[in-house]
Amino acid sequence: MPWDIIKFNDDPRHWASRLLSNPNKRDLMSWFFGTWKIPVGDTTTNQVDQAISVGFSHIDTAQAYRNEAEAGQAIAESGLSRSDIFITTKYSGLDGLDIETSIKNSLKNLGVAYIDLYLIHHPRLATPDIPTAWRQMEGLKEAGLVKSIGISNFQIEHVESLLASAKIPPAVNQILLHPYVYEKTLPLLKYSAEKGITIEAYSPLIPVTTLPGGPVDKPVKAAAKRLGATEDQILLAWAKAKGAVVLTSSSKKSRLEGYIKAGDLVLTDEEIEAIDKAGAKGQRIFTARTVVRRVAAALFLGAIGLGICSYLGIDVL
């Protein structure tokens, strides 16, 4: 099953027009290339150019990444028409600027007349409050500066606050999603599905890139062996199976090509369940380790404090 087209809840006409103008791009929306952590400068331009060359038509950036201009340069040099590329950027509160000013800066940096998807990068950036900030986002859409609006890193309570007065619902919520956080994220996933909010998953490869050796390794390796795939492809297929739009990145062309092919992989229900269970087990292990480290650090600092007090002749017992 290939990567699918995802239709947003806030403006289906936008997607209908994109489909009519580009009927062969079945991968237009459900996977995209992210620019977070890419060094600013020519590296960003080169990597975005490479991603476009292998078939990525959706580029994700943010004001906080400080690489919008470089991403925009790669997009301009690609030769693609504006309707053939999908651009996401985010309001990050950069330099203390407000939403209206920030979008104008992003448009200038990216060299485009409109943004396809504009997100509030984090709920703490929604000032003075979430309803007020969201009204400003709706104003950008009404003005034609953005086609769709959404959020990032919002939890259920934040979304509830937004929806209480919203005229336009958020099209997406871009969140951290991988097997080790799936269990605790499940309520948000179910809530989002009920509200018609698409989930975009960032950092889906953490189990193999940052936390290798955990419980998820075994079921992922087994699925990879059955399908003749790589472990990172299995994790992307897992995220897709959860109904998420997948955000990924790499400096290596071969890996990007592999990520595209991951859309054809179909995991069995048993494989998905095994990864889910291993992720839940890993979450408990990693949480316990974090608690132990924090307790150890507190005890260590406490011992230092007692030592200093003893040295100074201060009786604290």
Protein backbone atom coordinates (compact mmCIF):
# COMPACT_ATOMS: atom_id res chain seq x y z
CA MET A 1 0.00 0.00 0.00
CA PRO A 2 1.69 3.25 -1.12
CA TRP A 3 1.88 6.48 0.84
CA ASP A 4 -1.58 8.00 0.73
CA ILE A 5 -3.04 11.44 0.16
CA ILE A 6 -4.46 12.89 3.35
CA LYS A 7 -7.32 15.36 3.09
CA PHE A 8 -7.44 18.05 5.74
CA ASN A 9 -10.61 18.88 7.65
CA ASP A 10 -10.37 22.64 7.25
CA ASP A 11 -10.35 23.06 3.48
CA PRO A 12 -11.01 19.99 1.35
CA ARG A 13 -11.18 22.18 -1.74
CA HIS A 14 -7.47 22.91 -1.38
CA TRP A 15 -6.69 19.24 -1.67
CA ALA A 16 -9.24 18.63 -4.43
CA SER A 17 -7.55 21.28 -6.56
CA ARG A 18 -4.12 19.85 -5.84
CA LEU A 19 -5.29 16.39 -6.87
CA LEU A 20 -6.78 17.62 -10.11
CA SER A 21 -3.62 19.53 -11.04
CA ASN A 22 -1.33 16.68 -10.05
CA PRO A 23 -3.25 13.38 -10.25
CA ASN A 24 -0.20 11.13 -10.18
CA LYS A 25 1.24 12.37 -6.89
CA ARG A 26 -0.18 9.72 -4.59
CA ASP A 27 2.54 10.67 -2.10
CA LEU A 28 1.64 14.34 -1.96
CA MET A 29 0.89 14.53 1.72
CA SER A 30 1.37 11.43 3.84
CA TRP A 31 5.17 11.63 4.11
CA PHE A 32 7.47 14.61 4.10
CA PHE A 33 10.99 15.83 4.55
CA GLY A 34 11.88 17.71 7.73
CA THR A 35 14.65 20.28 8.11
CA TRP A 36 14.98 20.26 11.91
CA LYS A 37 18.60 19.84 13.06
CA ILE A 38 20.02 20.39 9.57
CA PRO A 39 22.92 22.90 9.83
CA VAL A 40 21.95 26.33 8.53
CA GLY A 41 23.51 27.35 5.21
CA ASP A 42 24.37 25.42 2.08
CA THR A 43 23.80 22.14 3.94
CA THR A 44 20.10 22.88 4.24
CA THR A 45 19.84 23.90 0.60
CA ASN A 46 21.67 20.81 -0.58
CA GLN A 47 19.69 18.39 1.55
CA VAL A 48 16.31 19.87 0.60
CA ASP A 49 17.39 19.80 -3.05
CA GLN A 50 18.34 16.13 -2.67
CA ALA A 51 15.04 15.28 -0.99
CA ILE A 52 13.08 16.91 -3.81
CA SER A 53 15.19 15.11 -6.41
CA VAL A 54 14.30 11.67 -5.03
CA GLY A 55 10.59 12.43 -4.83
CA PHE A 56 9.75 14.32 -1.65
CA SER A 57 7.20 16.98 -2.54
CA HIS A 58 6.40 18.13 1.00
CA ILE A 59 9.02 20.18 2.86
CA ASP A 60 8.69 21.01 6.56
CA THR A 61 10.57 23.85 8.22
CA ALA A 62 10.01 26.38 11.03
CA GLN A 63 11.04 29.85 12.02
CA ALA A 64 12.95 28.41 14.98
CA TYR A 65 15.09 26.29 12.65
CA ARG A 66 16.39 29.50 11.02
CA ASN A 67 16.66 27.76 7.65
CA GLU A 68 13.53 28.91 5.83
CA ALA A 69 15.54 30.96 3.35
CA GLU A 70 17.81 28.03 2.49
CA ALA A 71 14.83 25.70 2.09
CA GLY A 72 13.16 28.31 -0.08
CA GLN A 73 16.26 28.57 -2.25
CA ALA A 74 16.26 24.80 -2.86
CA ILE A 75 12.55 24.88 -3.70
CA ALA A 76 13.05 27.75 -6.15
CA GLU A 77 16.00 26.03 -7.81
CA SER A 78 14.11 22.73 -8.14
CA GLY A 79 12.19 24.02 -11.13
CA LEU A 80 8.92 22.69 -9.74
CA SER A 81 5.82 24.82 -10.10
CA ARG A 82 4.36 26.14 -6.85
CA SER A 83 1.42 23.74 -7.11
CA ASP A 84 3.79 20.76 -7.18
CA ILE A 85 5.45 21.47 -3.83
CA PHE A 86 3.82 21.54 -0.40
CA ILE A 87 5.41 23.79 2.22
CA THR A 88 4.88 23.64 5.97
CA THR A 89 6.40 26.16 8.34
CA LYS A 90 5.67 27.11 11.93
CA TYR A 91 5.13 30.14 14.07
CA SER A 92 7.90 29.81 16.67
CA GLY A 93 7.68 33.23 18.35
CA LEU A 94 11.12 33.99 16.92
CA ASP A 95 12.60 37.31 18.10
CA GLY A 96 9.39 37.98 20.03
CA LEU A 97 7.45 38.76 16.85
CA ASP A 98 3.70 38.24 16.64
CA ILE A 99 1.91 35.82 14.32
CA GLU A 100 0.97 38.40 11.66
CA THR A 101 4.51 39.75 11.40
CA SER A 102 6.09 36.31 11.50
CA ILE A 103 4.08 34.92 8.59
CA LYS A 104 5.17 37.83 6.41
CA ASN A 105 8.78 37.09 7.28
CA SER A 106 8.32 33.41 6.48
CA LEU A 107 6.77 34.19 3.11
CA LYS A 108 9.72 36.45 2.29
CA ASN A 109 12.27 33.90 3.49
CA LEU A 110 10.70 31.07 1.52
CA GLY A 111 10.10 33.22 -1.54
CA VAL A 112 6.46 32.23 -1.97
CA ALA A 113 3.09 33.98 -2.01
CA TYR A 114 1.41 31.54 0.37
CA ILE A 115 2.18 28.73 2.83
CA ASP A 116 0.36 25.43 2.43
CA LEU A 117 0.33 24.61 6.15
CA TYR A 118 1.15 26.99 9.02
CA LEU A 119 1.45 25.64 12.56
CA ILE A 120 1.73 27.10 16.05
CA HIS A 121 4.95 25.36 17.08
CA HIS A 122 4.04 24.86 20.76
CA PRO A 123 1.09 25.79 23.00
CA ARG A 124 3.29 28.05 25.15
CA LEU A 125 3.78 30.23 22.06
CA ALA A 126 0.05 30.86 21.78
CA THR A 127 0.02 34.25 23.49
CA PRO A 128 -1.69 35.92 25.20
CA ASP A 129 -3.80 32.74 25.18
CA ILE A 130 -4.69 29.90 22.84
CA PRO A 131 -8.11 31.24 21.66
CA THR A 132 -6.64 34.66 20.82
CA ALA A 133 -3.67 33.20 18.99
CA TRP A 134 -5.91 30.85 17.04
CA ARG A 135 -8.13 33.73 15.89
CA GLN A 136 -5.00 35.33 14.46
CA MET A 137 -4.19 32.07 12.63
CA GLU A 138 -7.73 31.98 11.22
CA GLY A 139 -7.21 35.53 10.00
CA LEU A 140 -4.14 34.44 8.01
CA LYS A 141 -6.15 31.73 6.31
CA GLU A 142 -9.01 34.11 5.55
CA ALA A 143 -6.49 36.54 4.05
CA GLY A 144 -5.13 33.84 1.75
CA LEU A 145 -1.63 33.91 3.21
CA VAL A 146 -1.91 30.24 4.25
CA LYS A 147 -4.02 27.42 2.85
CA SER A 148 -4.35 25.41 6.06
CA ILE A 149 -3.58 26.02 9.73
CA GLY A 150 -2.63 23.66 12.49
CA ILE A 151 -0.78 23.08 15.73
CA SER A 152 2.25 21.25 17.07
CA ASN A 153 2.97 19.64 20.44
CA PHE A 154 -0.56 20.36 21.70
CA GLN A 155 -2.08 18.03 24.30
CA ILE A 156 -5.80 17.33 24.72
CA GLU A 157 -6.37 20.19 27.15
CA HIS A 158 -4.77 22.65 24.72
CA VAL A 159 -6.88 21.42 21.80
CA GLU A 160 -10.05 21.63 23.90
CA SER A 161 -9.25 25.25 24.71
CA LEU A 162 -8.72 25.98 21.03
CA LEU A 163 -11.86 24.23 19.77
CA ALA A 164 -14.08 25.95 22.33
CA SER A 165 -14.09 29.12 20.24
CA ALA A 166 -12.55 28.12 16.89
CA LYS A 167 -14.29 28.87 13.62
CA ILE A 168 -11.80 26.69 11.76
CA PRO A 169 -10.49 23.51 13.39
CA PRO A 170 -6.77 22.74 13.25
CA ALA A 171 -5.97 20.64 10.21
CA VAL A 172 -3.14 18.80 11.93
CA ASN A 173 -1.33 18.35 15.22
CA GLN A 174 2.37 17.58 14.68
CA ILE A 175 3.63 15.55 17.63
CA LEU A 176 6.37 13.23 18.78
CA LEU A 177 5.28 9.69 17.89
CA HIS A 178 7.19 6.43 18.03
CA PRO A 179 6.58 3.06 19.76
CA TYR A 180 8.10 4.13 23.09
CA VAL A 181 5.61 7.00 23.51
CA TYR A 182 2.65 5.38 21.75
CA GLU A 183 0.89 4.10 24.88
CA LYS A 184 0.87 7.46 26.65
CA THR A 185 0.00 9.26 23.41
CA LEU A 186 -2.93 6.98 22.58
CA PRO A 187 -5.60 9.16 24.28
CA LEU A 188 -4.47 12.13 22.17
CA LEU A 189 -4.52 10.01 19.01
CA LYS A 190 -8.07 8.82 19.70
CA TYR A 191 -9.23 12.34 20.60
CA SER A 192 -7.70 13.74 17.41
CA ALA A 193 -9.41 11.08 15.29
CA GLU A 194 -12.76 11.95 16.87
CA LYS A 195 -12.21 15.64 16.06
CA GLY A 196 -10.96 15.01 12.52
CA ILE A 197 -7.48 16.35 13.27
CA THR A 198 -4.70 14.68 11.28
CA ILE A 199 -1.68 13.56 13.28
CA GLU A 200 1.77 14.29 11.90
CA ALA A 201 4.50 12.17 13.49
CA TYR A 202 7.96 13.60 14.00
CA SER A 203 10.98 11.57 15.18
CA PRO A 204 9.37 8.19 14.40
CA LEU A 205 12.83 6.58 14.11
CA ILE A 206 13.97 7.26 17.69
CA PRO A 207 13.92 3.54 18.65
CA VAL A 208 16.75 2.87 16.18
CA THR A 209 18.53 6.23 16.11
CA THR A 210 18.51 7.27 19.77
CA LEU A 211 17.33 4.29 21.83
CA PRO A 212 18.73 1.19 20.13
CA GLY A 213 18.86 -2.02 22.12
CA GLY A 214 15.41 -1.60 23.66
CA PRO A 215 12.44 -3.99 23.61
CA VAL A 216 11.18 -2.67 20.26
CA ASP A 217 14.27 -3.98 18.47
CA LYS A 218 13.09 -7.62 18.46
CA PRO A 219 9.67 -7.22 16.77
CA VAL A 220 11.04 -4.57 14.39
CA LYS A 221 13.90 -6.85 13.32
CA ALA A 222 11.48 -9.74 12.83
CA ALA A 223 9.20 -7.68 10.61
CA ALA A 224 12.18 -6.34 8.69
CA LYS A 225 13.40 -9.88 8.04
CA ARG A 226 9.99 -11.04 6.80
CA LEU A 227 9.58 -8.09 4.45
CA GLY A 228 13.19 -7.79 3.34
CA ALA A 229 13.22 -4.24 4.65
CA THR A 230 15.33 -2.10 6.97
CA GLU A 231 14.42 -1.36 10.56
CA ASP A 232 13.81 2.32 9.87
CA GLN A 233 11.41 1.38 7.05
CA ILE A 234 9.48 -0.81 9.49
CA LEU A 235 9.12 2.05 11.96
CA LEU A 236 7.82 4.34 9.19
CA ALA A 237 5.35 1.64 8.14
CA TRP A 238 4.28 1.32 11.79
CA ALA A 239 3.63 5.09 12.04
CA LYS A 240 1.65 4.96 8.81
CA ALA A 241 -0.40 2.05 10.18
CA LYS A 242 -1.34 4.31 13.10
CA GLY A 243 -2.87 6.75 10.62
CA ALA A 244 -0.13 9.35 10.97
CA VAL A 245 1.50 11.52 8.36
CA VAL A 246 5.19 10.72 8.63
CA LEU A 247 7.94 13.33 8.98
CA THR A 248 11.47 12.09 8.42
CA SER A 249 14.87 13.29 7.30
CA SER A 250 18.30 12.07 6.27
CA SER A 251 21.42 13.42 4.61
CA LYS A 252 21.82 10.14 2.69
CA LYS A 253 20.10 9.74 -0.66
CA SER A 254 19.81 5.97 -0.31
CA ARG A 255 17.95 6.29 2.97
CA LEU A 256 15.52 8.83 1.54
CA GLU A 257 14.80 6.47 -1.32
CA GLY A 258 14.21 3.71 1.22
CA TYR A 259 11.83 5.91 3.18
CA ILE A 260 9.73 6.42 0.07
CA LYS A 261 9.62 2.67 -0.55
CA ALA A 262 8.45 2.14 3.05
CA GLY A 263 5.02 3.30 1.92
CA ASP A 264 4.61 -0.03 0.11
CA LEU A 265 5.21 -2.10 3.24
CA VAL A 266 2.24 -3.65 5.00
CA LEU A 267 2.69 -4.91 8.55
CA THR A 268 0.43 -7.65 9.87
CA ASP A 269 -1.86 -6.95 12.81
CA GLU A 270 0.32 -9.27 14.87
CA GLU A 271 3.48 -7.34 13.99
CA ILE A 272 1.87 -4.01 14.87
CA GLU A 273 0.61 -5.42 18.18
CA ALA A 274 4.06 -6.83 18.99
CA ILE A 275 5.68 -3.44 18.35
CA ASP A 276 3.00 -1.72 20.46
CA LYS A 277 3.56 -4.08 23.40
CA ALA A 278 7.33 -3.77 23.16
CA GLY A 279 7.00 0.00 23.05
CA ALA A 280 4.87 0.01 26.20
CA LYS A 281 7.41 -2.19 27.95
CA GLY A 282 10.24 0.08 26.86
CA GLN A 283 8.37 3.16 28.04
CA ARG A 284 8.14 1.71 31.55
CA ILE A 285 11.83 0.75 31.52
CA PHE A 286 12.98 4.16 30.32
CA THR A 287 10.67 5.94 32.78
CA ALA A 288 12.08 3.88 35.65
CA ARG A 289 15.63 4.67 34.56
CA THR A 290 14.80 8.37 34.46
CA VAL A 291 13.37 8.24 37.99
CA VAL A 292 16.46 6.41 39.26
CA ARG A 293 18.78 8.96 37.63
CA ARG A 294 16.83 11.86 39.13
CA VAL A 295 16.82 10.30 42.59
CA ALA A 296 20.54 9.58 42.34
CA ALA A 297 21.21 13.14 41.25
CA ALA A 298 19.12 14.51 44.13
CA LEU A 299 20.95 12.29 46.63
CA PHE A 300 24.31 13.33 45.19
CA LEU A 301 23.47 17.01 45.42
CA GLY A 302 22.08 16.47 48.90
CA ALA A 303 25.32 14.79 49.99
CA ILE A 304 27.33 17.70 48.60
CA GLY A 305 25.08 20.12 50.48
CA LEU A 306 25.51 18.23 53.76
CA GLY A 307 29.25 18.13 53.21
CA ILE A 308 29.42 21.88 52.70
CA CYS A 309 27.25 22.51 55.77
CA SER A 310 29.46 20.20 57.84
CA TYR A 311 32.57 21.99 56.61
CA LEU A 312 31.05 25.33 57.56
CA GLY A 313 29.93 24.02 60.95
CA ILE A 314 26.25 24.38 60.14
CA ASP A 315 24.02 21.82 61.86
CA VAL A 316 21.16 20.89 59.54
CA LEU A 317 20.10 17.65 61.24
